């Protein structure tokens, strides 16, 4: 069995995580992050989704996409970093989370 991957959280994503008050959705998010940690690039849809036009940013989809919570992440070397979270069930929050991920990704460029 291969070694698990490291999944880090951007400091701003940690603040977004703190705003997620539903224990069920938080547990679903942590389960999805754990799958990413264990499987890395072998994690496939419906658990992850590549964002069109977003170089290297992917969407982690807790509960196989059956929840509005999303984590936007990027691979950094052999590991991963969660850049931002979408925690509200509306398109505006998702678009804001993607924009935040785009802005934060430069923090992790080599």
N, C-alpha and C. Protein backbone atom coordinates (compact mmCIF):
# COMPACT_ATOMS: atom_id res chain seq x y z
N UNK A 1 0.85 -1.18 0.00
CA UNK A 1 0.00 0.00 0.00
C UNK A 1 0.90 1.24 0.00
N UNK A 2 0.54 2.23 -0.77
CA UNK A 2 1.35 3.44 -0.87
C UNK A 2 1.13 4.35 0.33
N UNK A 3 2.10 5.22 0.53
CA UNK A 3 2.03 6.18 1.64
C UNK A 3 0.94 7.21 1.34
N UNK A 4 0.25 7.69 2.37
CA UNK A 4 -0.76 8.72 2.15
C UNK A 4 -0.13 10.03 1.68
N UNK A 5 -0.93 10.81 1.00
CA UNK A 5 -0.51 12.13 0.54
C UNK A 5 -0.80 13.14 1.65
N UNK A 6 -0.02 14.19 1.70
CA UNK A 6 -0.26 15.27 2.65
C UNK A 6 -1.28 16.22 2.04
N UNK A 7 -2.31 16.58 2.80
CA UNK A 7 -3.28 17.58 2.38
C UNK A 7 -3.20 18.73 3.37
N UNK A 8 -2.77 19.89 2.87
CA UNK A 8 -2.68 21.10 3.69
C UNK A 8 -3.89 21.98 3.41
N UNK A 9 -4.14 22.90 4.32
CA UNK A 9 -5.21 23.89 4.13
C UNK A 9 -4.58 25.27 4.09
N UNK A 10 -4.94 26.05 3.10
CA UNK A 10 -4.56 27.46 3.08
C UNK A 10 -5.17 28.11 4.33
N UNK A 11 -4.46 29.07 4.91
CA UNK A 11 -4.95 29.72 6.14
C UNK A 11 -6.33 30.34 5.95
N UNK A 12 -6.58 30.92 4.79
CA UNK A 12 -7.90 31.51 4.53
C UNK A 12 -8.97 30.42 4.40
N UNK A 13 -8.60 29.26 3.86
CA UNK A 13 -9.54 28.15 3.75
C UNK A 13 -9.91 27.62 5.14
N UNK A 14 -8.97 27.69 6.07
CA UNK A 14 -9.26 27.28 7.45
C UNK A 14 -10.34 28.18 8.04
N UNK A 15 -10.26 29.48 7.76
CA UNK A 15 -11.29 30.40 8.25
C UNK A 15 -12.65 30.09 7.61
N UNK A 16 -12.64 29.73 6.34
CA UNK A 16 -13.89 29.36 5.67
C UNK A 16 -14.44 28.07 6.28
N UNK A 17 -13.56 27.14 6.61
CA UNK A 17 -13.99 25.90 7.25
C UNK A 17 -14.65 26.18 8.60
N UNK A 18 -14.12 27.13 9.33
CA UNK A 18 -14.69 27.49 10.64
C UNK A 18 -16.12 28.01 10.49
N UNK A 19 -16.44 28.58 9.34
CA UNK A 19 -17.78 29.11 9.10
C UNK A 19 -18.79 28.01 8.74
N UNK A 20 -18.30 26.81 8.47
CA UNK A 20 -19.18 25.68 8.16
C UNK A 20 -19.72 25.12 9.47
N UNK A 21 -20.98 25.37 9.76
CA UNK A 21 -21.56 25.02 11.06
C UNK A 21 -22.22 23.65 11.10
N UNK A 22 -22.59 23.10 9.96
CA UNK A 22 -23.25 21.80 9.93
C UNK A 22 -22.23 20.69 10.22
N UNK A 23 -22.46 19.95 11.29
CA UNK A 23 -21.56 18.85 11.64
C UNK A 23 -21.57 17.78 10.55
N UNK A 24 -22.73 17.52 9.98
CA UNK A 24 -22.84 16.50 8.94
C UNK A 24 -22.03 16.90 7.70
N UNK A 25 -22.16 18.16 7.28
CA UNK A 25 -21.42 18.59 6.10
C UNK A 25 -19.92 18.68 6.38
N UNK A 26 -19.56 19.07 7.59
CA UNK A 26 -18.14 19.12 7.96
C UNK A 26 -17.55 17.71 7.94
N UNK A 27 -18.30 16.74 8.47
CA UNK A 27 -17.85 15.35 8.45
C UNK A 27 -17.71 14.85 7.00
N UNK A 28 -18.66 15.20 6.15
CA UNK A 28 -18.59 14.80 4.74
C UNK A 28 -17.36 15.40 4.06
N UNK A 29 -17.07 16.66 4.37
CA UNK A 29 -15.89 17.31 3.80
C UNK A 29 -14.62 16.61 4.27
N UNK A 30 -14.52 16.33 5.56
CA UNK A 30 -13.32 15.66 6.09
C UNK A 30 -13.18 14.25 5.50
N UNK A 31 -14.29 13.55 5.29
CA UNK A 31 -14.23 12.23 4.64
C UNK A 31 -13.68 12.34 3.22
N UNK A 32 -14.13 13.37 2.49
CA UNK A 32 -13.65 13.57 1.12
C UNK A 32 -12.16 13.92 1.12
N UNK A 33 -11.74 14.77 2.05
CA UNK A 33 -10.32 15.12 2.17
C UNK A 33 -9.51 13.88 2.51
N UNK A 34 -10.05 13.02 3.36
CA UNK A 34 -9.34 11.79 3.70
C UNK A 34 -9.19 10.89 2.49
N UNK A 35 -10.21 10.82 1.64
CA UNK A 35 -10.09 10.04 0.39
C UNK A 35 -8.99 10.61 -0.49
N UNK A 36 -8.92 11.95 -0.58
CA UNK A 36 -7.86 12.59 -1.35
C UNK A 36 -6.50 12.24 -0.74
N UNK A 37 -6.41 12.27 0.57
CA UNK A 37 -5.16 11.97 1.26
C UNK A 37 -4.72 10.53 0.98
N UNK A 38 -5.64 9.61 0.95
CA UNK A 38 -5.30 8.20 0.75
C UNK A 38 -5.08 7.85 -0.72
N UNK A 39 -5.86 8.44 -1.62
CA UNK A 39 -5.81 8.04 -3.02
C UNK A 39 -5.03 9.00 -3.92
N UNK A 40 -4.93 10.26 -3.53
CA UNK A 40 -4.22 11.24 -4.36
C UNK A 40 -4.78 11.28 -5.77
N UNK A 41 -3.92 11.14 -6.78
CA UNK A 41 -4.38 11.26 -8.16
C UNK A 41 -5.27 10.10 -8.62
N UNK A 42 -5.38 9.06 -7.81
CA UNK A 42 -6.27 7.94 -8.16
C UNK A 42 -7.72 8.22 -7.78
N UNK A 43 -7.98 9.33 -7.09
CA UNK A 43 -9.35 9.71 -6.74
C UNK A 43 -10.03 10.21 -8.01
N UNK A 44 -11.17 9.65 -8.34
CA UNK A 44 -11.82 9.94 -9.62
C UNK A 44 -13.25 10.46 -9.40
N UNK A 45 -13.87 10.99 -10.48
CA UNK A 45 -15.27 11.42 -10.39
C UNK A 45 -16.13 10.24 -9.92
N UNK A 46 -17.15 10.51 -9.15
CA UNK A 46 -17.77 11.79 -8.83
C UNK A 46 -17.18 12.50 -7.61
N UNK A 47 -16.09 11.97 -7.07
CA UNK A 47 -15.49 12.57 -5.87
C UNK A 47 -14.71 13.84 -6.18
N UNK A 48 -14.18 13.93 -7.38
CA UNK A 48 -13.43 15.12 -7.81
C UNK A 48 -13.89 15.51 -9.21
N UNK A 49 -13.64 16.77 -9.53
CA UNK A 49 -14.01 17.28 -10.84
C UNK A 49 -12.95 18.30 -11.25
N UNK A 50 -12.51 18.21 -12.48
CA UNK A 50 -11.59 19.20 -13.02
C UNK A 50 -12.40 20.41 -13.43
N UNK A 51 -11.93 21.59 -13.05
CA UNK A 51 -12.61 22.82 -13.44
C UNK A 51 -12.09 23.28 -14.79
N UNK A 52 -12.98 23.42 -15.74
CA UNK A 52 -12.58 23.87 -17.08
C UNK A 52 -12.02 25.28 -17.02
N UNK A 53 -10.88 25.47 -17.66
CA UNK A 53 -10.28 26.79 -17.73
C UNK A 53 -9.54 27.20 -16.47
N UNK A 54 -9.45 26.31 -15.49
CA UNK A 54 -8.76 26.63 -14.24
C UNK A 54 -7.54 25.72 -14.13
N UNK A 55 -6.41 26.21 -14.57
CA UNK A 55 -5.20 25.41 -14.62
C UNK A 55 -4.83 24.85 -13.24
N UNK A 56 -4.95 23.55 -13.12
CA UNK A 56 -4.50 22.88 -11.92
C UNK A 56 -5.44 22.93 -10.73
N UNK A 57 -6.53 23.67 -10.79
CA UNK A 57 -7.47 23.74 -9.66
C UNK A 57 -8.57 22.71 -9.90
N UNK A 58 -8.82 21.92 -8.86
CA UNK A 58 -9.85 20.89 -8.97
C UNK A 58 -10.88 21.08 -7.86
N UNK A 59 -12.01 20.47 -8.05
CA UNK A 59 -13.13 20.55 -7.10
C UNK A 59 -13.26 19.22 -6.38
N UNK A 60 -13.20 19.24 -5.07
CA UNK A 60 -13.44 18.06 -4.26
C UNK A 60 -14.91 18.07 -3.89
N UNK A 61 -15.59 16.95 -4.15
CA UNK A 61 -17.04 16.89 -4.05
C UNK A 61 -17.49 15.90 -2.97
N UNK A 62 -17.66 16.39 -1.74
CA UNK A 62 -18.13 15.50 -0.67
C UNK A 62 -19.46 14.85 -1.03
N UNK A 63 -19.66 13.66 -0.50
CA UNK A 63 -20.88 12.88 -0.76
C UNK A 63 -21.10 12.69 -2.26
N UNK A 64 -20.02 12.57 -3.01
CA UNK A 64 -20.08 12.37 -4.46
C UNK A 64 -20.85 13.48 -5.15
N UNK A 65 -20.81 14.68 -4.59
CA UNK A 65 -21.48 15.83 -5.18
C UNK A 65 -22.91 16.03 -4.71
N UNK A 66 -23.37 15.22 -3.76
CA UNK A 66 -24.75 15.34 -3.29
C UNK A 66 -24.87 16.30 -2.11
N UNK A 67 -23.99 17.27 -2.02
CA UNK A 67 -24.06 18.34 -1.04
C UNK A 67 -23.54 19.60 -1.70
N UNK A 68 -23.91 20.76 -1.20
CA UNK A 68 -23.45 22.01 -1.82
C UNK A 68 -22.03 22.38 -1.38
N UNK A 69 -21.52 21.72 -0.34
CA UNK A 69 -20.16 22.02 0.13
C UNK A 69 -19.15 21.51 -0.89
N UNK A 70 -18.19 22.35 -1.19
CA UNK A 70 -17.12 22.00 -2.13
C UNK A 70 -15.80 22.54 -1.59
N UNK A 71 -14.72 21.84 -1.89
CA UNK A 71 -13.38 22.33 -1.60
C UNK A 71 -12.64 22.44 -2.92
N UNK A 72 -11.98 23.55 -3.14
CA UNK A 72 -11.19 23.74 -4.35
C UNK A 72 -9.73 23.59 -3.96
N UNK A 73 -9.03 22.70 -4.67
CA UNK A 73 -7.68 22.35 -4.26
C UNK A 73 -6.76 22.25 -5.46
N UNK A 74 -5.47 22.12 -5.14
CA UNK A 74 -4.45 22.00 -6.18
C UNK A 74 -3.38 21.03 -5.70
N UNK A 75 -2.82 20.33 -6.64
CA UNK A 75 -1.68 19.47 -6.32
C UNK A 75 -0.43 20.34 -6.26
N UNK A 76 0.40 20.11 -5.26
CA UNK A 76 1.66 20.83 -5.12
C UNK A 76 2.75 19.78 -4.93
N UNK A 77 3.47 19.49 -5.98
CA UNK A 77 4.46 18.41 -5.92
C UNK A 77 3.74 17.09 -5.72
N UNK A 78 4.06 16.39 -4.65
CA UNK A 78 3.41 15.11 -4.35
C UNK A 78 2.24 15.25 -3.40
N UNK A 79 1.95 16.46 -2.99
CA UNK A 79 0.91 16.69 -1.99
C UNK A 79 -0.18 17.60 -2.55
N UNK A 80 -1.11 18.00 -1.67
CA UNK A 80 -2.25 18.81 -2.08
C UNK A 80 -2.46 19.95 -1.11
N UNK A 81 -3.08 21.02 -1.61
CA UNK A 81 -3.45 22.13 -0.73
C UNK A 81 -4.89 22.53 -1.04
N UNK A 82 -5.72 22.60 0.00
CA UNK A 82 -7.09 23.08 -0.12
C UNK A 82 -6.99 24.60 -0.13
N UNK A 83 -7.42 25.21 -1.21
CA UNK A 83 -7.29 26.65 -1.40
C UNK A 83 -8.48 27.43 -0.89
N UNK A 84 -9.69 26.90 -1.11
CA UNK A 84 -10.90 27.61 -0.69
C UNK A 84 -12.06 26.64 -0.57
N UNK A 85 -13.12 27.11 0.11
CA UNK A 85 -14.30 26.29 0.32
C UNK A 85 -15.55 27.04 -0.12
N UNK A 86 -16.48 26.32 -0.68
CA UNK A 86 -17.82 26.83 -0.98
C UNK A 86 -18.72 26.17 0.06
N UNK A 87 -19.35 26.98 0.91
CA UNK A 87 -20.17 26.39 1.98
C UNK A 87 -21.64 26.79 1.92
N UNK A 88 -22.00 27.63 0.97
CA UNK A 88 -23.40 28.05 0.85
C UNK A 88 -23.98 27.46 -0.43
N UNK A 89 -25.27 27.15 -0.43
CA UNK A 89 -25.88 26.49 -1.59
C UNK A 89 -26.29 27.48 -2.68
N UNK A 90 -25.38 28.36 -3.08
CA UNK A 90 -25.73 29.27 -4.17
C UNK A 90 -24.55 29.46 -5.12
N UNK A 91 -24.88 29.81 -6.34
CA UNK A 91 -23.87 29.95 -7.38
C UNK A 91 -22.86 31.05 -7.07
N UNK A 92 -23.32 32.13 -6.43
CA UNK A 92 -22.43 33.24 -6.11
C UNK A 92 -21.32 32.80 -5.16
N UNK A 93 -21.64 31.95 -4.18
CA UNK A 93 -20.62 31.48 -3.25
C UNK A 93 -19.62 30.58 -3.97
N UNK A 94 -20.11 29.74 -4.86
CA UNK A 94 -19.20 28.88 -5.62
C UNK A 94 -18.27 29.71 -6.49
N UNK A 95 -18.82 30.72 -7.16
CA UNK A 95 -17.98 31.58 -8.00
C UNK A 95 -16.96 32.34 -7.16
N UNK A 96 -17.35 32.80 -5.98
CA UNK A 96 -16.42 33.50 -5.08
C UNK A 96 -15.33 32.56 -4.58
N UNK A 97 -15.68 31.31 -4.30
CA UNK A 97 -14.70 30.33 -3.84
C UNK A 97 -13.70 29.99 -4.94
N UNK A 98 -14.17 29.90 -6.17
CA UNK A 98 -13.26 29.64 -7.30
C UNK A 98 -12.33 30.84 -7.49
N UNK A 99 -12.87 32.04 -7.41
CA UNK A 99 -12.04 33.25 -7.54
C UNK A 99 -10.99 33.31 -6.43
N UNK A 100 -11.39 32.95 -5.21
CA UNK A 100 -10.44 32.93 -4.09
C UNK A 100 -9.35 31.89 -4.33
N UNK A 101 -9.73 30.73 -4.85
CA UNK A 101 -8.73 29.69 -5.15
C UNK A 101 -7.75 30.19 -6.20
N UNK A 102 -8.26 30.87 -7.23
CA UNK A 102 -7.38 31.41 -8.27
C UNK A 102 -6.38 32.40 -7.68
N UNK A 103 -6.86 33.23 -6.76
CA UNK A 103 -6.00 34.23 -6.13
C UNK A 103 -4.96 33.58 -5.22
N UNK A 104 -5.35 32.56 -4.49
CA UNK A 104 -4.48 31.92 -3.50
C UNK A 104 -3.48 30.94 -4.12
N UNK A 105 -3.76 30.46 -5.33
CA UNK A 105 -2.89 29.43 -5.91
C UNK A 105 -1.45 29.91 -6.07
N UNK A 106 -1.25 31.22 -6.27
CA UNK A 106 0.11 31.73 -6.43
C UNK A 106 0.94 31.57 -5.16
N UNK A 107 0.30 31.42 -4.03
CA UNK A 107 1.03 31.19 -2.76
C UNK A 107 1.77 29.87 -2.76
N UNK A 108 1.35 28.96 -3.66
CA UNK A 108 1.88 27.60 -3.65
C UNK A 108 2.63 27.24 -4.93
N UNK A 109 2.86 28.21 -5.79
CA UNK A 109 3.64 27.94 -7.00
C UNK A 109 5.10 27.81 -6.62
N UNK A 110 5.74 26.88 -7.24
CA UNK A 110 7.16 26.63 -6.93
C UNK A 110 8.05 27.71 -7.51
